[in-house]
Amino acid sequence: MSPTFFIQVLFDTAWAIPFDKILRLIVTPEKKGRSWDIQRYPKNQFKSTIYIDLTEGIKLADITELPEIHAKRRELGRGRLLHYVEFGGGSIHVNREALTSILESARQWRRIKGDS
């Protein structure tokens, strides 16, 4: 078993947060100015979704050039159509210190759990 990180990629940045930190945040007793919330929006079929302030995570990268977006369509079995977008190009500047920190925390977690 390995540690899990969630990565949120926006138009200009990418942020990472370890799953165990998410759990620690949501079990902390509520206090004024908390950095997370649970909402139910129609765009998500009113499913409960946890929203966490990005600054609780680690800024992993800056996106310096947006990719091109190409609309695609693929025909599936029985004539069904799948419409999607494909990204190409673009440029990202990875924060090496942040990436090293994430990888090191994963290594430590594996040592603690006894994985090789």
PDB file of N, CA and C in Angstrom:
ATOM      1  N   MET A   1       0.843  -1.179   0.000  1.00  0.00           N
ATOM      2  CA  MET A   1       0.000   0.000   0.000  1.00  0.00           C
ATOM      3  C   MET A   1       0.885   1.237   0.000  1.00  0.00           C
ATOM      4  N   SER A   2       0.468   2.259  -0.722  1.00  0.00           N
ATOM      5  CA  SER A   2       1.254   3.483  -0.826  1.00  0.00           C
ATOM      6  C   SER A   2       0.432   4.678  -0.382  1.00  0.00           C
ATOM      7  N   PRO A   3       1.091   5.756   0.004  1.00  0.00           N
ATOM      8  CA  PRO A   3       0.358   6.970   0.362  1.00  0.00           C
ATOM      9  C   PRO A   3      -0.321   7.551  -0.877  1.00  0.00           C
ATOM     10  N   THR A   4      -1.424   8.239  -0.655  1.00  0.00           N
ATOM     11  CA  THR A   4      -2.176   8.836  -1.754  1.00  0.00           C
ATOM     12  C   THR A   4      -2.094  10.346  -1.669  1.00  0.00           C
ATOM     13  N   PHE A   5      -1.845  10.995  -2.805  1.00  0.00           N
ATOM     14  CA  PHE A   5      -1.838  12.447  -2.898  1.00  0.00           C
ATOM     15  C   PHE A   5      -2.884  12.863  -3.916  1.00  0.00           C
ATOM     16  N   PHE A   6      -3.609  13.927  -3.623  1.00  0.00           N
ATOM     17  CA  PHE A   6      -4.533  14.505  -4.583  1.00  0.00           C
ATOM     18  C   PHE A   6      -3.853  15.715  -5.193  1.00  0.00           C
ATOM     19  N   ILE A   7      -3.952  15.858  -6.513  1.00  0.00           N
ATOM     20  CA  ILE A   7      -3.352  16.992  -7.207  1.00  0.00           C
ATOM     21  C   ILE A   7      -4.451  17.747  -7.935  1.00  0.00           C
ATOM     22  N   GLN A   8      -4.535  19.031  -7.671  1.00  0.00           N
ATOM     23  CA  GLN A   8      -5.507  19.917  -8.324  1.00  0.00           C
ATOM     24  C   GLN A   8      -4.744  20.776  -9.316  1.00  0.00           C
ATOM     25  N   VAL A   9      -5.068  20.623 -10.598  1.00  0.00           N
ATOM     26  CA  VAL A   9      -4.407  21.400 -11.643  1.00  0.00           C
ATOM     27  C   VAL A   9      -5.359  22.494 -12.096  1.00  0.00           C
ATOM     28  N   LEU A  10      -4.925  23.730 -11.961  1.00  0.00           N
ATOM     29  CA  LEU A  10      -5.708  24.888 -12.377  1.00  0.00           C
ATOM     30  C   LEU A  10      -5.115  25.440 -13.670  1.00  0.00           C
ATOM     31  N   PHE A  11      -5.580  26.601 -14.105  1.00  0.00           N
ATOM     32  CA  PHE A  11      -5.039  27.185 -15.330  1.00  0.00           C
ATOM     33  C   PHE A  11      -3.600  27.654 -15.170  1.00  0.00           C
ATOM     34  N   ASP A  12      -3.221  28.036 -13.951  1.00  0.00           N
ATOM     35  CA  ASP A  12      -1.890  28.620 -13.783  1.00  0.00           C
ATOM     36  C   ASP A  12      -1.005  27.904 -12.769  1.00  0.00           C
ATOM     37  N   THR A  13      -1.564  27.002 -11.975  1.00  0.00           N
ATOM     38  CA  THR A  13      -0.777  26.313 -10.950  1.00  0.00           C
ATOM     39  C   THR A  13      -1.271  24.883 -10.752  1.00  0.00           C
ATOM     40  N   ALA A  14      -0.457  24.106 -10.046  1.00  0.00           N
ATOM     41  CA  ALA A  14      -0.848  22.762  -9.622  1.00  0.00           C
ATOM     42  C   ALA A  14      -0.504  22.629  -8.142  1.00  0.00           C
ATOM     43  N   TRP A  15      -1.429  22.081  -7.361  1.00  0.00           N
ATOM     44  CA  TRP A  15      -1.264  21.926  -5.920  1.00  0.00           C
ATOM     45  C   TRP A  15      -1.428  20.461  -5.552  1.00  0.00           C
ATOM     46  N   ALA A  16      -0.699  19.996  -4.542  1.00  0.00           N
ATOM     47  CA  ALA A  16      -0.795  18.615  -4.073  1.00  0.00           C
ATOM     48  C   ALA A  16      -1.085  18.608  -2.576  1.00  0.00           C
ATOM     49  N   ILE A  17      -1.857  17.613  -2.147  1.00  0.00           N
ATOM     50  CA  ILE A  17      -2.131  17.447  -0.719  1.00  0.00           C
ATOM     51  C   ILE A  17      -2.223  15.947  -0.426  1.00  0.00           C
ATOM     52  N   PRO A  18      -1.568  15.501   0.644  1.00  0.00           N
ATOM     53  CA  PRO A  18      -1.663  14.084   0.994  1.00  0.00           C
ATOM     54  C   PRO A  18      -3.034  13.759   1.594  1.00  0.00           C
ATOM     55  N   PHE A  19      -3.540  12.575   1.285  1.00  0.00           N
ATOM     56  CA  PHE A  19      -4.852  12.160   1.765  1.00  0.00           C
ATOM     57  C   PHE A  19      -4.915  12.155   3.288  1.00  0.00           C
ATOM     58  N   ASP A  20      -3.828  11.735   3.947  1.00  0.00           N
ATOM     59  CA  ASP A  20      -3.865  11.712   5.411  1.00  0.00           C
ATOM     60  C   ASP A  20      -4.017  13.118   5.987  1.00  0.00           C
ATOM     61  N   LYS A  21      -3.509  14.148   5.302  1.00  0.00           N
ATOM     62  CA  LYS A  21      -3.706  15.520   5.776  1.00  0.00           C
ATOM     63  C   LYS A  21      -5.171  15.926   5.616  1.00  0.00           C
ATOM     64  N   ILE A  22      -5.800  15.492   4.528  1.00  0.00           N
ATOM     65  CA  ILE A  22      -7.231  15.772   4.337  1.00  0.00           C
ATOM     66  C   ILE A  22      -8.013  15.181   5.506  1.00  0.00           C
ATOM     67  N   LEU A  23      -7.705  13.945   5.863  1.00  0.00           N
ATOM     68  CA  LEU A  23      -8.402  13.313   6.981  1.00  0.00           C
ATOM     69  C   LEU A  23      -8.171  14.069   8.285  1.00  0.00           C
ATOM     70  N   ARG A  24      -6.935  14.485   8.522  1.00  0.00           N
ATOM     71  CA  ARG A  24      -6.640  15.246   9.749  1.00  0.00           C
ATOM     72  C   ARG A  24      -7.410  16.559   9.776  1.00  0.00           C
ATOM     73  N   LEU A  25      -7.518  17.236   8.616  1.00  0.00           N
ATOM     74  CA  LEU A  25      -8.244  18.506   8.561  1.00  0.00           C
ATOM     75  C   LEU A  25      -9.726  18.330   8.894  1.00  0.00           C
ATOM     76  N   ILE A  26     -10.346  17.301   8.317  1.00  0.00           N
ATOM     77  CA  ILE A  26     -11.794  17.192   8.482  1.00  0.00           C
ATOM     78  C   ILE A  26     -12.208  16.625   9.835  1.00  0.00           C
ATOM     79  N   VAL A  27     -11.284  15.981  10.563  1.00  0.00           N
ATOM     80  CA  VAL A  27     -11.641  15.506  11.902  1.00  0.00           C
ATOM     81  C   VAL A  27     -11.299  16.520  12.988  1.00  0.00           C
ATOM     82  N   THR A  28     -10.602  17.591  12.622  1.00  0.00           N
ATOM     83  CA  THR A  28     -10.289  18.644  13.584  1.00  0.00           C
ATOM     84  C   THR A  28     -11.583  19.359  13.947  1.00  0.00           C
ATOM     85  N   PRO A  29     -11.816  19.596  15.237  1.00  0.00           N
ATOM     86  CA  PRO A  29     -13.050  20.287  15.619  1.00  0.00           C
ATOM     87  C   PRO A  29     -13.209  21.607  14.854  1.00  0.00           C
ATOM     88  N   GLU A  30     -14.455  21.897  14.503  1.00  0.00           N
ATOM     89  CA  GLU A  30     -14.731  23.113  13.741  1.00  0.00           C
ATOM     90  C   GLU A  30     -14.274  24.334  14.526  1.00  0.00           C
ATOM     91  N   LYS A  31     -13.733  25.288  13.796  1.00  0.00           N
ATOM     92  CA  LYS A  31     -13.327  26.549  14.396  1.00  0.00           C
ATOM     93  C   LYS A  31     -13.513  27.643  13.374  1.00  0.00           C
ATOM     94  N   LYS A  32     -13.592  28.871  13.830  1.00  0.00           N
ATOM     95  CA  LYS A  32     -13.791  30.000  12.929  1.00  0.00           C
ATOM     96  C   LYS A  32     -12.634  30.081  11.944  1.00  0.00           C
ATOM     97  N   GLY A  33     -12.981  30.286  10.663  1.00  0.00           N
ATOM     98  CA  GLY A  33     -11.950  30.425   9.638  1.00  0.00           C
ATOM     99  C   GLY A  33     -11.353  29.111   9.191  1.00  0.00           C
ATOM    100  N   ARG A  34     -12.082  28.003   9.366  1.00  0.00           N
ATOM    101  CA  ARG A  34     -11.528  26.716   8.950  1.00  0.00           C
ATOM    102  C   ARG A  34     -11.228  26.732   7.451  1.00  0.00           C
ATOM    103  N   SER A  35     -10.342  25.857   7.032  1.00  0.00           N
ATOM    104  CA  SER A  35      -9.861  25.888   5.657  1.00  0.00           C
ATOM    105  C   SER A  35     -10.523  24.838   4.777  1.00  0.00           C
ATOM    106  N   TRP A  36     -11.661  24.311   5.197  1.00  0.00           N
ATOM    107  CA  TRP A  36     -12.379  23.338   4.377  1.00  0.00           C
ATOM    108  C   TRP A  36     -13.871  23.485   4.597  1.00  0.00           C
ATOM    109  N   ASP A  37     -14.641  22.939   3.668  1.00  0.00           N
ATOM    110  CA  ASP A  37     -16.087  23.020   3.751  1.00  0.00           C
ATOM    111  C   ASP A  37     -16.684  21.850   2.967  1.00  0.00           C
ATOM    112  N   ILE A  38     -17.896  21.476   3.299  1.00  0.00           N
ATOM    113  CA  ILE A  38     -18.610  20.449   2.540  1.00  0.00           C
ATOM    114  C   ILE A  38     -19.814  21.119   1.892  1.00  0.00           C
ATOM    115  N   GLN A  39     -19.937  20.967   0.577  1.00  0.00           N
ATOM    116  CA  GLN A  39     -21.038  21.576  -0.177  1.00  0.00           C
ATOM    117  C   GLN A  39     -21.712  20.529  -1.040  1.00  0.00           C
ATOM    118  N   ARG A  40     -22.959  20.820  -1.418  1.00  0.00           N
ATOM    119  CA  ARG A  40     -23.726  19.957  -2.334  1.00  0.00           C
ATOM    120  C   ARG A  40     -24.261  20.848  -3.445  1.00  0.00           C
ATOM    121  N   TYR A  41     -23.651  20.752  -4.637  1.00  0.00           N
ATOM    122  CA  TYR A  41     -24.019  21.602  -5.768  1.00  0.00           C
ATOM    123  C   TYR A  41     -24.746  20.790  -6.839  1.00  0.00           C
ATOM    124  N   PRO A  42     -25.669  21.457  -7.574  1.00  0.00           N
ATOM    125  CA  PRO A  42     -26.377  20.752  -8.652  1.00  0.00           C
ATOM    126  C   PRO A  42     -25.440  20.209  -9.720  1.00  0.00           C
ATOM    127  N   LYS A  43     -24.331  20.920 -10.005  1.00  0.00           N
ATOM    128  CA  LYS A  43     -23.413  20.443 -11.048  1.00  0.00           C
ATOM    129  C   LYS A  43     -22.772  19.107 -10.685  1.00  0.00           C
ATOM    130  N   ASN A  44     -22.796  18.742  -9.395  1.00  0.00           N
ATOM    131  CA  ASN A  44     -22.280  17.450  -8.926  1.00  0.00           C
ATOM    132  C   ASN A  44     -23.418  16.530  -8.490  1.00  0.00           C
ATOM    133  N   GLN A  45     -24.602  16.722  -9.054  1.00  0.00           N
ATOM    134  CA  GLN A  45     -25.784  15.925  -8.713  1.00  0.00           C
ATOM    135  C   GLN A  45     -26.065  15.940  -7.212  1.00  0.00           C
ATOM    136  N   PHE A  46     -25.743  17.066  -6.569  1.00  0.00           N
ATOM    137  CA  PHE A  46     -25.969  17.280  -5.133  1.00  0.00           C
ATOM    138  C   PHE A  46     -25.213  16.278  -4.254  1.00  0.00           C
ATOM    139  N   LYS A  47     -24.146  15.679  -4.805  1.00  0.00           N
ATOM    140  CA  LYS A  47     -23.312  14.797  -3.983  1.00  0.00           C
ATOM    141  C   LYS A  47     -22.490  15.664  -3.032  1.00  0.00           C
ATOM    142  N   SER A  48     -22.284  15.180  -1.833  1.00  0.00           N
ATOM    143  CA  SER A  48     -21.459  15.912  -0.873  1.00  0.00           C
ATOM    144  C   SER A  48     -20.012  15.908  -1.354  1.00  0.00           C
ATOM    145  N   THR A  49     -19.421  17.103  -1.437  1.00  0.00           N
ATOM    146  CA  THR A  49     -18.045  17.251  -1.893  1.00  0.00           C
ATOM    147  C   THR A  49     -17.283  18.081  -0.868  1.00  0.00           C
ATOM    148  N   ILE A  50     -16.098  17.615  -0.497  1.00  0.00           N
ATOM    149  CA  ILE A  50     -15.260  18.358   0.448  1.00  0.00           C
ATOM    150  C   ILE A  50     -14.385  19.315  -0.350  1.00  0.00           C
ATOM    151  N   TYR A  51     -14.451  20.593  -0.016  1.00  0.00           N
ATOM    152  CA  TYR A  51     -13.626  21.623  -0.642  1.00  0.00           C
ATOM    153  C   TYR A  51     -12.589  22.072   0.380  1.00  0.00           C
ATOM    154  N   ILE A  52     -11.316  21.968   0.006  1.00  0.00           N
ATOM    155  CA  ILE A  52     -10.216  22.319   0.898  1.00  0.00           C
ATOM    156  C   ILE A  52      -9.444  23.470   0.291  1.00  0.00           C
ATOM    157  N   ASP A  53      -9.108  24.454   1.114  1.00  0.00           N
ATOM    158  CA  ASP A  53      -8.324  25.597   0.661  1.00  0.00           C
ATOM    159  C   ASP A  53      -7.006  25.093   0.066  1.00  0.00           C
ATOM    160  N   LEU A  54      -6.679  25.575  -1.124  1.00  0.00           N
ATOM    161  CA  LEU A  54      -5.456  25.119  -1.800  1.00  0.00           C
ATOM    162  C   LEU A  54      -4.212  25.315  -0.961  1.00  0.00           C
ATOM    163  N   THR A  55      -4.177  26.381  -0.166  1.00  0.00           N
ATOM    164  CA  THR A  55      -2.972  26.674   0.616  1.00  0.00           C
ATOM    165  C   THR A  55      -2.733  25.653   1.727  1.00  0.00           C
ATOM    166  N   GLU A  56      -3.669  24.735   1.946  1.00  0.00           N
ATOM    167  CA  GLU A  56      -3.417  23.628   2.876  1.00  0.00           C
ATOM    168  C   GLU A  56      -2.477  22.610   2.234  1.00  0.00           C
ATOM    169  N   GLY A  57      -2.383  22.647   0.914  1.00  0.00           N
ATOM    170  CA  GLY A  57      -1.511  21.731   0.195  1.00  0.00           C
ATOM    171  C   GLY A  57      -0.158  22.365  -0.087  1.00  0.00           C
ATOM    172  N   ILE A  58       0.541  21.755  -1.022  1.00  0.00           N
ATOM    173  CA  ILE A  58       1.870  22.211  -1.432  1.00  0.00           C
ATOM    174  C   ILE A  58       1.769  22.671  -2.877  1.00  0.00           C
ATOM    175  N   LYS A  59       2.251  23.886  -3.169  1.00  0.00           N
ATOM    176  CA  LYS A  59       2.257  24.362  -4.555  1.00  0.00           C
ATOM    177  C   LYS A  59       3.318  23.574  -5.309  1.00  0.00           C
ATOM    178  N   LEU A  60       2.850  22.739  -6.209  1.00  0.00           N
ATOM    179  CA  LEU A  60       3.731  21.803  -6.902  1.00  0.00           C
ATOM    180  C   LEU A  60       4.341  22.398  -8.158  1.00  0.00           C
ATOM    181  N   ALA A  61       3.584  23.272  -8.864  1.00  0.00           N
ATOM    182  CA  ALA A  61       4.098  23.776 -10.143  1.00  0.00           C
ATOM    183  C   ALA A  61       3.354  25.031 -10.578  1.00  0.00           C
ATOM    184  N   ASP A  62       4.006  25.778 -11.456  1.00  0.00           N
ATOM    185  CA  ASP A  62       3.383  26.901 -12.158  1.00  0.00           C
ATOM    186  C   ASP A  62       3.247  26.511 -13.618  1.00  0.00           C
ATOM    187  N   ILE A  63       2.082  26.756 -14.174  1.00  0.00           N
ATOM    188  CA  ILE A  63       1.865  26.497 -15.593  1.00  0.00           C
ATOM    189  C   ILE A  63       2.233  27.772 -16.333  1.00  0.00           C
ATOM    190  N   THR A  64       3.260  27.692 -17.163  1.00  0.00           N
ATOM    191  CA  THR A  64       3.793  28.890 -17.806  1.00  0.00           C
ATOM    192  C   THR A  64       3.259  29.100 -19.218  1.00  0.00           C
ATOM    193  N   GLU A  65       2.742  28.045 -19.834  1.00  0.00           N
ATOM    194  CA  GLU A  65       2.135  28.153 -21.160  1.00  0.00           C
ATOM    195  C   GLU A  65       0.991  27.151 -21.246  1.00  0.00           C
ATOM    196  N   LEU A  66      -0.214  27.649 -21.540  1.00  0.00           N
ATOM    197  CA  LEU A  66      -1.372  26.768 -21.602  1.00  0.00           C
ATOM    198  C   LEU A  66      -1.282  25.823 -22.797  1.00  0.00           C
ATOM    199  N   PRO A  67      -1.799  24.610 -22.656  1.00  0.00           N
ATOM    200  CA  PRO A  67      -1.781  23.668 -23.775  1.00  0.00           C
ATOM    201  C   PRO A  67      -2.861  24.016 -24.792  1.00  0.00           C
ATOM    202  N   GLU A  68      -2.718  23.467 -25.985  1.00  0.00           N
ATOM    203  CA  GLU A  68      -3.782  23.559 -26.980  1.00  0.00           C
ATOM    204  C   GLU A  68      -4.830  22.517 -26.627  1.00  0.00           C
ATOM    205  N   ILE A  69      -6.084  22.817 -26.947  1.00  0.00           N
ATOM    206  CA  ILE A  69      -7.177  21.890 -26.650  1.00  0.00           C
ATOM    207  C   ILE A  69      -7.828  21.495 -27.968  1.00  0.00           C
ATOM    208  N   HIS A  70      -7.950  20.183 -28.179  1.00  0.00           N
ATOM    209  CA  HIS A  70      -8.536  19.660 -29.408  1.00  0.00           C
ATOM    210  C   HIS A  70      -9.747  18.807 -29.063  1.00  0.00           C
ATOM    211  N   ALA A  71     -10.897  19.108 -29.683  1.00  0.00           N
ATOM    212  CA  ALA A  71     -12.103  18.298 -29.489  1.00  0.00           C
ATOM    213  C   ALA A  71     -11.945  16.988 -30.253  1.00  0.00           C
ATOM    214  N   LYS A  72     -12.337  15.892 -29.627  1.00  0.00           N
ATOM    215  CA  LYS A  72     -12.224  14.569 -30.235  1.00  0.00           C
ATOM    216  C   LYS A  72     -13.549  13.823 -30.083  1.00  0.00           C
ATOM    217  N   ARG A  73     -13.753  12.854 -30.966  1.00  0.00           N
ATOM    218  CA  ARG A  73     -14.931  11.998 -30.898  1.00  0.00           C
ATOM    219  C   ARG A  73     -14.507  10.583 -31.277  1.00  0.00           C
ATOM    220  N   ARG A  74     -15.022   9.607 -30.511  1.00  0.00           N
ATOM    221  CA  ARG A  74     -14.724   8.211 -30.801  1.00  0.00           C
ATOM    222  C   ARG A  74     -16.027   7.426 -30.773  1.00  0.00           C
ATOM    223  N   GLU A  75     -16.176   6.570 -31.758  1.00  0.00           N
ATOM    224  CA  GLU A  75     -17.381   5.749 -31.800  1.00  0.00           C
ATOM    225  C   GLU A  75     -17.139   4.468 -31.006  1.00  0.00           C
ATOM    226  N   LEU A  76     -18.038   4.202 -30.071  1.00  0.00           N
ATOM    227  CA  LEU A  76     -17.962   3.013 -29.234  1.00  0.00           C
ATOM    228  C   LEU A  76     -18.892   1.942 -29.795  1.00  0.00           C
ATOM    229  N   GLY A  77     -18.959   0.842 -29.125  1.00  0.00           N
ATOM    230  CA  GLY A  77     -19.836  -0.241 -29.547  1.00  0.00           C
ATOM    231  C   GLY A  77     -21.294   0.191 -29.649  1.00  0.00           C
ATOM    232  N   ARG A  78     -22.016  -0.443 -30.545  1.00  0.00           N
ATOM    233  CA  ARG A  78     -23.440  -0.185 -30.781  1.00  0.00           C
ATOM    234  C   ARG A  78     -23.721   1.267 -31.172  1.00  0.00           C
ATOM    235  N   GLY A  79     -22.744   1.933 -31.785  1.00  0.00           N
ATOM    236  CA  GLY A  79     -22.952   3.267 -32.330  1.00  0.00           C
ATOM    237  C   GLY A  79     -22.899   4.403 -31.328  1.00  0.00           C
ATOM    238  N   ARG A  80     -22.562   4.119 -30.072  1.00  0.00           N
ATOM    239  CA  ARG A  80     -22.469   5.206 -29.084  1.00  0.00           C
ATOM    240  C   ARG A  80     -21.260   6.082 -29.406  1.00  0.00           C
ATOM    241  N   LEU A  81     -21.405   7.375 -29.122  1.00  0.00           N
ATOM    242  CA  LEU A  81     -20.315   8.315 -29.376  1.00  0.00           C
ATOM    243  C   LEU A  81     -19.766   8.838 -28.058  1.00  0.00           C
ATOM    244  N   LEU A  82     -18.457   8.922 -27.988  1.00  0.00           N
ATOM    245  CA  LEU A  82     -17.774   9.483 -26.826  1.00  0.00           C
ATOM    246  C   LEU A  82     -17.103  10.773 -27.275  1.00  0.00           C
ATOM    247  N   HIS A  83     -17.484  11.897 -26.679  1.00  0.00           N
ATOM    248  CA  HIS A  83     -16.870  13.191 -26.992  1.00  0.00           C
ATOM    249  C   HIS A  83     -15.943  13.577 -25.842  1.00  0.00           C
ATOM    250  N   TYR A  84     -14.761  14.043 -26.178  1.00  0.00           N
ATOM    251  CA  TYR A  84     -13.786  14.413 -25.158  1.00  0.00           C
ATOM    252  C   TYR A  84     -12.808  15.426 -25.736  1.00  0.00           C
ATOM    253  N   VAL A  85     -11.954  15.976 -24.862  1.00  0.00           N
ATOM    254  CA  VAL A  85     -10.914  16.896 -25.332  1.00  0.00           C
ATOM    255  C   VAL A  85      -9.554  16.250 -25.097  1.00  0.00           C
ATOM    256  N   GLU A  86      -8.621  16.623 -25.931  1.00  0.00           N
ATOM    257  CA  GLU A  86      -7.250  16.143 -25.818  1.00  0.00           C
ATOM    258  C   GLU A  86      -6.355  17.361 -25.704  1.00  0.00           C
ATOM    259  N   PHE A  87      -5.418  17.319 -24.763  1.00  0.00           N
ATOM    260  CA  PHE A  87      -4.504  18.438 -24.552  1.00  0.00           C
ATOM    261  C   PHE A  87      -3.185  18.163 -25.261  1.00  0.00           C
ATOM    262  N   GLY A  88      -2.560  19.204 -25.795  1.00  0.00           N
ATOM    263  CA  GLY A  88      -1.269  19.057 -26.452  1.00  0.00           C
ATOM    264  C   GLY A  88      -0.411  20.286 -26.225  1.00  0.00           C
ATOM    265  N   GLY A  89       0.869  20.057 -26.013  1.00  0.00           N
ATOM    266  CA  GLY A  89       1.789  21.178 -25.821  1.00  0.00           C
ATOM    267  C   GLY A  89       1.665  21.771 -24.427  1.00  0.00           C
ATOM    268  N   GLY A  90       1.958  23.048 -24.326  1.00  0.00           N
ATOM    269  CA  GLY A  90       1.948  23.716 -23.031  1.00  0.00           C
ATOM    270  C   GLY A  90       3.281  23.571 -22.335  1.00  0.00           C
ATOM    271  N   SER A  91       3.404  24.240 -21.203  1.00  0.00           N
ATOM    272  CA  SER A  91       4.656  24.200 -20.470  1.00  0.00           C
ATOM    273  C   SER A  91       4.375  24.378 -18.983  1.00  0.00           C
ATOM    274  N   ILE A  92       5.136  23.652 -18.189  1.00  0.00           N
ATOM    275  CA  ILE A  92       4.957  23.712 -16.735  1.00  0.00           C
ATOM    276  C   ILE A  92       6.323  23.808 -16.069  1.00  0.00           C
ATOM    277  N   HIS A  93       6.399  24.582 -15.017  1.00  0.00           N
ATOM    278  CA  HIS A  93       7.634  24.708 -14.238  1.00  0.00           C
ATOM    279  C   HIS A  93       7.386  24.051 -12.885  1.00  0.00           C
ATOM    280  N   VAL A  94       7.981  22.875 -12.677  1.00  0.00           N
ATOM    281  CA  VAL A  94       7.780  22.119 -11.445  1.00  0.00           C
ATOM    282  C   VAL A  94       8.684  22.676 -10.347  1.00  0.00           C
ATOM    283  N   ASN A  95       8.115  22.877  -9.172  1.00  0.00           N
ATOM    284  CA  ASN A  95       8.880  23.278  -7.997  1.00  0.00           C
ATOM    285  C   ASN A  95       9.595  22.037  -7.479  1.00  0.00           C
ATOM    286  N   ARG A  96      10.889  21.941  -7.756  1.00  0.00           N
ATOM    287  CA  ARG A  96      11.639  20.727  -7.405  1.00  0.00           C
ATOM    288  C   ARG A  96      11.651  20.465  -5.906  1.00  0.00           C
ATOM    289  N   GLU A  97      11.727  21.525  -5.092  1.00  0.00           N
ATOM    290  CA  GLU A  97      11.716  21.335  -3.643  1.00  0.00           C
ATOM    291  C   GLU A  97      10.399  20.718  -3.181  1.00  0.00           C
ATOM    292  N   ALA A  98       9.282  21.192  -3.748  1.00  0.00           N
ATOM    293  CA  ALA A  98       7.966  20.650  -3.381  1.00  0.00           C
ATOM    294  C   ALA A  98       7.856  19.194  -3.813  1.00  0.00           C
ATOM    295  N   LEU A  99       8.276  18.888  -5.035  1.00  0.00           N
ATOM    296  CA  LEU A  99       8.219  17.513  -5.526  1.00  0.00           C
ATOM    297  C   LEU A  99       9.096  16.599  -4.677  1.00  0.00           C
ATOM    298  N   THR A 100      10.292  17.043  -4.345  1.00  0.00           N
ATOM    299  CA  THR A 100      11.195  16.266  -3.492  1.00  0.00           C
ATOM    300  C   THR A 100      10.559  16.026  -2.129  1.00  0.00           C
ATOM    301  N   SER A 101       9.901  17.047  -1.581  1.00  0.00           N
ATOM    302  CA  SER A 101       9.232  16.920  -0.281  1.00  0.00           C
ATOM    303  C   SER A 101       8.120  15.877  -0.333  1.00  0.00           C
ATOM    304  N   ILE A 102       7.332  15.893  -1.396  1.00  0.00           N
ATOM    305  CA  ILE A 102       6.247  14.917  -1.548  1.00  0.00           C
ATOM    306  C   ILE A 102       6.816  13.506  -1.671  1.00  0.00           C
ATOM    307  N   LEU A 103       7.828  13.342  -2.506  1.00  0.00           N
ATOM    308  CA  LEU A 103       8.423  12.020  -2.691  1.00  0.00           C
ATOM    309  C   LEU A 103       9.066  11.516  -1.405  1.00  0.00           C
ATOM    310  N   GLU A 104       9.720  12.395  -0.671  1.00  0.00           N
ATOM    311  CA  GLU A 104      10.353  11.990   0.586  1.00  0.00           C
ATOM    312  C   GLU A 104       9.309  11.591   1.625  1.00  0.00           C
ATOM    313  N   SER A 105       8.187  12.319   1.693  1.00  0.00           N
ATOM    314  CA  SER A 105       7.141  11.946   2.647  1.00  0.00           C
ATOM    315  C   SER A 105       6.549  10.586   2.279  1.00  0.00           C
ATOM    316  N   ALA A 106       6.451  10.287   0.981  1.00  0.00           N
ATOM    317  CA  ALA A 106       5.964   8.970   0.551  1.00  0.00           C
ATOM    318  C   ALA A 106       6.959   7.880   0.958  1.00  0.00           C
ATOM    319  N   ARG A 107       8.262   8.163   0.800  1.00  0.00           N
ATOM    320  CA  ARG A 107       9.280   7.180   1.201  1.00  0.00           C
ATOM    321  C   ARG A 107       9.228   6.919   2.708  1.00  0.00           C
ATOM    322  N   GLN A 108       9.091   7.980   3.493  1.00  0.00           N
ATOM    323  CA  GLN A 108       9.024   7.827   4.946  1.00  0.00           C
ATOM    324  C   GLN A 108       7.799   7.019   5.340  1.00  0.00           C
ATOM    325  N   TRP A 109       6.683   7.284   4.691  1.00  0.00           N
ATOM    326  CA  TRP A 109       5.447   6.567   4.982  1.00  0.00           C
ATOM    327  C   TRP A 109       5.635   5.079   4.720  1.00  0.00           C
ATOM    328  N   ARG A 110       6.295   4.749   3.614  1.00  0.00           N
ATOM    329  CA  ARG A 110       6.509   3.342   3.276  1.00  0.00           C
ATOM    330  C   ARG A 110       7.440   2.685   4.306  1.00  0.00           C
ATOM    331  N   ARG A 111       8.465   3.432   4.787  1.00  0.00           N
ATOM    332  CA  ARG A 111       9.363   2.873   5.795  1.00  0.00           C
ATOM    333  C   ARG A 111       8.593   2.602   7.098  1.00  0.00           C
ATOM    334  N   ILE A 112       7.718   3.532   7.471  1.00  0.00           N
ATOM    335  CA  ILE A 112       6.931   3.378   8.697  1.00  0.00           C
ATOM    336  C   ILE A 112       6.011   2.165   8.598  1.00  0.00           C
ATOM    337  N   LYS A 113       5.387   1.999   7.449  1.00  0.00           N
ATOM    338  CA  LYS A 113       4.444   0.900   7.235  1.00  0.00           C
ATOM    339  C   LYS A 113       5.147  -0.429   6.947  1.00  0.00           C
ATOM    340  N   GLY A 114       6.463  -0.375   6.714  1.00  0.00           N
ATOM    341  CA  GLY A 114       7.211  -1.604   6.475  1.00  0.00           C
ATOM    342  C   GLY A 114       7.186  -2.083   5.043  1.00  0.00           C
ATOM    343  N   ASP A 115       6.742  -1.240   4.095  1.00  0.00           N
ATOM    344  CA  ASP A 115       6.755  -1.616   2.685  1.00  0.00           C
ATOM    345  C   ASP A 115       8.165  -1.474   2.146  1.00  0.00           C
ATOM    346  N   SER A 116       8.483  -2.193   1.084  1.00  0.00           N
ATOM    347  CA  SER A 116       9.810  -2.058   0.471  1.00  0.00           C
ATOM    348  C   SER A 116       9.760  -1.193  -0.730  1.00  0.00           C
TER     349      SER A 116
END
